[in-house]
Amino acid sequence: MNDRLLGTAALAFAAVMAWQGYGLEAPFAYEPVGPRAFPMLLSLIIGLCGLWLAVKGGNPVEPAAPGVKGRVFAVAAALAVYAFLFQWLGVVFATFLMSLPVGRAFGGSWFKSGAAGLVLGVAVFLLFDKVLDVVLPTGLLGGLL
């Protein structure tokens, strides 16, 4: 895929994201910004980057190095499993399990990948639950958190 094709795809994705995000409204307003601000801002950033790639474009793409496709598939599969298990397992345990294949795909050891996932899971939970007051699922660790 060259830069122009990727830029055009990003522009189309940003347009769909803005179209879907524009209709988001909360049934009650407890924040001044509301739920539509994040998707609209993100679609603007993706659209600008896509526009830049489409205008600049034309760079040929080199073939992927051996083993890259397998690592990309492992990361995509880990994120999909993470999305399905997030509610049931909870943010800490699901993040820990997701970090293992993702860390290994980027060359980390089992120990470092697991330790990073554990620290990240606990930090994200504490940040969202205690600091930002956003409720995240505790899952299997509900009694400890």
C-alpha atoms as a PDB file:
ATOM      1  CA  MET A   1       0.000   0.000   0.000  1.00  0.00           C
ATOM      2  CA  ASN A   2       1.495   3.322  -0.962  1.00  0.00           C
ATOM      3  CA  ASP A   3       1.086   6.601   0.900  1.00  0.00           C
ATOM      4  CA  ARG A   4      -1.703   7.982  -1.295  1.00  0.00           C
ATOM      5  CA  LEU A   5      -3.838   4.885  -0.872  1.00  0.00           C
ATOM      6  CA  LEU A   6      -3.279   4.891   2.893  1.00  0.00           C
ATOM      7  CA  GLY A   7      -4.077   8.624   3.049  1.00  0.00           C
ATOM      8  CA  THR A   8      -7.300   8.135   1.110  1.00  0.00           C
ATOM      9  CA  ALA A   9      -8.309   5.256   3.394  1.00  0.00           C
ATOM     10  CA  ALA A  10      -7.549   7.412   6.449  1.00  0.00           C
ATOM     11  CA  LEU A  11      -9.693  10.228   5.043  1.00  0.00           C
ATOM     12  CA  ALA A  12     -12.584   7.825   4.475  1.00  0.00           C
ATOM     13  CA  PHE A  13     -12.183   6.395   7.987  1.00  0.00           C
ATOM     14  CA  ALA A  14     -12.095   9.891   9.492  1.00  0.00           C
ATOM     15  CA  ALA A  15     -15.259  10.854   7.610  1.00  0.00           C
ATOM     16  CA  VAL A  16     -17.132   7.779   8.868  1.00  0.00           C
ATOM     17  CA  MET A  17     -15.825   8.359  12.386  1.00  0.00           C
ATOM     18  CA  ALA A  18     -16.951  12.005  12.343  1.00  0.00           C
ATOM     19  CA  TRP A  19     -20.352  11.026  10.954  1.00  0.00           C
ATOM     20  CA  GLN A  20     -20.878   8.403  13.664  1.00  0.00           C
ATOM     21  CA  GLY A  21     -19.367  10.511  16.443  1.00  0.00           C
ATOM     22  CA  TYR A  22     -21.414  13.611  15.686  1.00  0.00           C
ATOM     23  CA  GLY A  23     -24.600  11.915  16.825  1.00  0.00           C
ATOM     24  CA  LEU A  24     -23.288  10.967  20.263  1.00  0.00           C
ATOM     25  CA  GLU A  25     -25.178  12.645  23.062  1.00  0.00           C
ATOM     26  CA  ALA A  26     -25.391  11.856  26.749  1.00  0.00           C
ATOM     27  CA  PRO A  27     -28.869  11.436  28.242  1.00  0.00           C
ATOM     28  CA  PHE A  28     -27.814  13.847  30.979  1.00  0.00           C
ATOM     29  CA  ALA A  29     -25.039  16.422  30.930  1.00  0.00           C
ATOM     30  CA  TYR A  30     -22.467  16.106  33.668  1.00  0.00           C
ATOM     31  CA  GLU A  31     -19.515  17.305  31.615  1.00  0.00           C
ATOM     32  CA  PRO A  32     -19.255  20.542  29.644  1.00  0.00           C
ATOM     33  CA  VAL A  33     -17.732  18.840  26.604  1.00  0.00           C
ATOM     34  CA  GLY A  34     -19.909  15.740  26.227  1.00  0.00           C
ATOM     35  CA  PRO A  35     -19.184  12.376  24.588  1.00  0.00           C
ATOM     36  CA  ARG A  36     -18.879  13.646  21.028  1.00  0.00           C
ATOM     37  CA  ALA A  37     -15.697  15.688  21.611  1.00  0.00           C
ATOM     38  CA  PHE A  38     -13.247  12.766  21.630  1.00  0.00           C
ATOM     39  CA  PRO A  39     -14.362  11.075  18.376  1.00  0.00           C
ATOM     40  CA  MET A  40     -14.626  14.438  16.629  1.00  0.00           C
ATOM     41  CA  LEU A  41     -11.118  15.473  17.708  1.00  0.00           C
ATOM     42  CA  LEU A  42      -9.710  12.082  16.784  1.00  0.00           C
ATOM     43  CA  SER A  43     -11.407  12.149  13.374  1.00  0.00           C
ATOM     44  CA  LEU A  44      -9.946  15.613  12.759  1.00  0.00           C
ATOM     45  CA  ILE A  45      -6.421  14.393  13.562  1.00  0.00           C
ATOM     46  CA  ILE A  46      -6.815  11.238  11.444  1.00  0.00           C
ATOM     47  CA  GLY A  47      -8.273  13.310   8.601  1.00  0.00           C
ATOM     48  CA  LEU A  48      -5.417  15.817   8.651  1.00  0.00           C
ATOM     49  CA  CYS A  49      -2.827  13.031   8.663  1.00  0.00           C
ATOM     50  CA  GLY A  50      -4.689  11.264   5.845  1.00  0.00           C
ATOM     51  CA  LEU A  51      -4.840  14.467   3.832  1.00  0.00           C
ATOM     52  CA  TRP A  52      -1.113  14.996   4.296  1.00  0.00           C
ATOM     53  CA  LEU A  53      -0.370  11.432   3.133  1.00  0.00           C
ATOM     54  CA  ALA A  54      -2.723  11.738   0.139  1.00  0.00           C
ATOM     55  CA  VAL A  55      -1.182  15.027  -1.005  1.00  0.00           C
ATOM     56  CA  LYS A  56       2.451  14.102  -0.286  1.00  0.00           C
ATOM     57  CA  GLY A  57       2.029  10.453  -1.333  1.00  0.00           C
ATOM     58  CA  GLY A  58       3.678   8.223  -3.844  1.00  0.00           C
ATOM     59  CA  ASN A  59       6.355   6.410  -1.838  1.00  0.00           C
ATOM     60  CA  PRO A  60       6.710   2.772  -2.826  1.00  0.00           C
ATOM     61  CA  VAL A  61       6.389   0.239  -0.055  1.00  0.00           C
ATOM     62  CA  GLU A  62       9.116  -2.285   0.643  1.00  0.00           C
ATOM     63  CA  PRO A  63       8.088  -5.878   1.315  1.00  0.00           C
ATOM     64  CA  ALA A  64       7.772  -6.838   4.970  1.00  0.00           C
ATOM     65  CA  ALA A  65      10.721  -8.580   6.599  1.00  0.00           C
ATOM     66  CA  PRO A  66      10.319 -12.262   7.411  1.00  0.00           C
ATOM     67  CA  GLY A  67       8.246 -12.805  10.554  1.00  0.00           C
ATOM     68  CA  VAL A  68       6.619  -9.366  10.610  1.00  0.00           C
ATOM     69  CA  LYS A  69       3.218 -10.584   9.421  1.00  0.00           C
ATOM     70  CA  GLY A  70       3.094 -13.153  12.211  1.00  0.00           C
ATOM     71  CA  ARG A  71       3.900 -10.517  14.829  1.00  0.00           C
ATOM     72  CA  VAL A  72       1.274  -8.151  13.438  1.00  0.00           C
ATOM     73  CA  PHE A  73      -1.288 -10.969  13.553  1.00  0.00           C
ATOM     74  CA  ALA A  74      -0.302 -11.800  17.149  1.00  0.00           C
ATOM     75  CA  VAL A  75      -0.782  -8.184  18.251  1.00  0.00           C
ATOM     76  CA  ALA A  76      -4.137  -7.906  16.435  1.00  0.00           C
ATOM     77  CA  ALA A  77      -5.334 -11.204  17.929  1.00  0.00           C
ATOM     78  CA  ALA A  78      -4.223 -10.136  21.419  1.00  0.00           C
ATOM     79  CA  LEU A  79      -6.159  -6.867  21.116  1.00  0.00           C
ATOM     80  CA  ALA A  80      -9.279  -8.689  19.901  1.00  0.00           C
ATOM     81  CA  VAL A  81      -9.104 -11.169  22.796  1.00  0.00           C
ATOM     82  CA  TYR A  82      -8.493  -8.223  25.150  1.00  0.00           C
ATOM     83  CA  ALA A  83     -11.692  -6.554  23.955  1.00  0.00           C
ATOM     84  CA  PHE A  84     -13.726  -9.714  24.542  1.00  0.00           C
ATOM     85  CA  LEU A  85     -12.247 -10.542  27.967  1.00  0.00           C
ATOM     86  CA  PHE A  86     -11.969  -6.993  29.330  1.00  0.00           C
ATOM     87  CA  GLN A  87     -15.356  -6.965  31.069  1.00  0.00           C
ATOM     88  CA  TRP A  88     -15.187 -10.502  32.451  1.00  0.00           C
ATOM     89  CA  LEU A  89     -11.563 -10.578  33.608  1.00  0.00           C
ATOM     90  CA  GLY A  90     -11.283  -6.915  34.543  1.00  0.00           C
ATOM     91  CA  VAL A  91      -8.856  -4.274  33.381  1.00  0.00           C
ATOM     92  CA  VAL A  92      -5.845  -5.408  35.431  1.00  0.00           C
ATOM     93  CA  PHE A  93      -5.903  -9.112  34.547  1.00  0.00           C
ATOM     94  CA  ALA A  94      -6.938  -8.552  30.907  1.00  0.00           C
ATOM     95  CA  THR A  95      -4.160  -5.979  30.430  1.00  0.00           C
ATOM     96  CA  PHE A  96      -1.640  -8.370  31.959  1.00  0.00           C
ATOM     97  CA  LEU A  97      -2.699 -11.182  29.588  1.00  0.00           C
ATOM     98  CA  MET A  98      -2.724  -8.873  26.562  1.00  0.00           C
ATOM     99  CA  SER A  99       0.757  -7.590  27.322  1.00  0.00           C
ATOM    100  CA  LEU A 100       2.338 -11.040  27.098  1.00  0.00           C
ATOM    101  CA  PRO A 101       1.903 -11.672  23.341  1.00  0.00           C
ATOM    102  CA  VAL A 102       2.293  -7.977  22.511  1.00  0.00           C
ATOM    103  CA  GLY A 103       5.515  -7.703  24.517  1.00  0.00           C
ATOM    104  CA  ARG A 104       6.864 -10.902  22.984  1.00  0.00           C
ATOM    105  CA  ALA A 105       6.004  -9.626  19.484  1.00  0.00           C
ATOM    106  CA  PHE A 106       8.217  -6.608  20.149  1.00  0.00           C
ATOM    107  CA  GLY A 107      11.090  -8.737  21.431  1.00  0.00           C
ATOM    108  CA  GLY A 108      10.535  -8.580  25.186  1.00  0.00           C
ATOM    109  CA  SER A 109      11.110 -11.509  27.509  1.00  0.00           C
ATOM    110  CA  TRP A 110       8.213 -13.293  29.190  1.00  0.00           C
ATOM    111  CA  PHE A 111       9.122 -11.735  32.535  1.00  0.00           C
ATOM    112  CA  LYS A 112       9.492  -8.177  31.242  1.00  0.00           C
ATOM    113  CA  SER A 113       6.302  -8.402  29.185  1.00  0.00           C
ATOM    114  CA  GLY A 114       4.339  -9.726  32.154  1.00  0.00           C
ATOM    115  CA  ALA A 115       5.808  -7.221  34.588  1.00  0.00           C
ATOM    116  CA  ALA A 116       5.061  -4.334  32.238  1.00  0.00           C
ATOM    117  CA  GLY A 117       1.507  -5.597  31.762  1.00  0.00           C
ATOM    118  CA  LEU A 118       0.938  -5.904  35.491  1.00  0.00           C
ATOM    119  CA  VAL A 119       2.293  -2.414  36.203  1.00  0.00           C
ATOM    120  CA  LEU A 120       0.338  -0.951  33.273  1.00  0.00           C
ATOM    121  CA  GLY A 121      -2.893  -2.680  34.296  1.00  0.00           C
ATOM    122  CA  VAL A 122      -2.684  -1.492  37.905  1.00  0.00           C
ATOM    123  CA  ALA A 123      -1.614   2.028  36.879  1.00  0.00           C
ATOM    124  CA  VAL A 124      -4.442   2.371  34.352  1.00  0.00           C
ATOM    125  CA  PHE A 125      -6.974   1.087  36.862  1.00  0.00           C
ATOM    126  CA  LEU A 126      -5.800   3.453  39.586  1.00  0.00           C
ATOM    127  CA  LEU A 127      -5.627   6.411  37.219  1.00  0.00           C
ATOM    128  CA  PHE A 128      -9.120   5.926  35.830  1.00  0.00           C
ATOM    129  CA  ASP A 129     -10.847   4.676  38.978  1.00  0.00           C
ATOM    130  CA  LYS A 130      -9.241   6.834  41.656  1.00  0.00           C
ATOM    131  CA  VAL A 131      -8.041   9.959  39.852  1.00  0.00           C
ATOM    132  CA  LEU A 132     -10.462  10.409  36.940  1.00  0.00           C
ATOM    133  CA  ASP A 133     -13.422   8.730  38.691  1.00  0.00           C
ATOM    134  CA  VAL A 134     -14.174   6.524  35.676  1.00  0.00           C
ATOM    135  CA  VAL A 135     -15.473   3.101  36.680  1.00  0.00           C
ATOM    136  CA  LEU A 136     -13.577   0.241  35.079  1.00  0.00           C
ATOM    137  CA  PRO A 137     -14.433  -3.436  35.451  1.00  0.00           C
ATOM    138  CA  THR A 138     -12.576  -5.193  38.261  1.00  0.00           C
ATOM    139  CA  GLY A 139     -13.475  -8.691  37.038  1.00  0.00           C
ATOM    140  CA  LEU A 140     -11.792 -11.550  38.861  1.00  0.00           C
ATOM    141  CA  LEU A 141      -9.888  -9.165  41.155  1.00  0.00           C
ATOM    142  CA  GLY A 142     -13.050  -7.401  42.358  1.00  0.00           C
ATOM    143  CA  GLY A 143     -12.458  -8.225  46.034  1.00  0.00           C
ATOM    144  CA  LEU A 144      -8.886  -6.929  45.970  1.00  0.00           C
ATOM    145  CA  LEU A 145      -9.535  -3.656  44.177  1.00  0.00           C
END
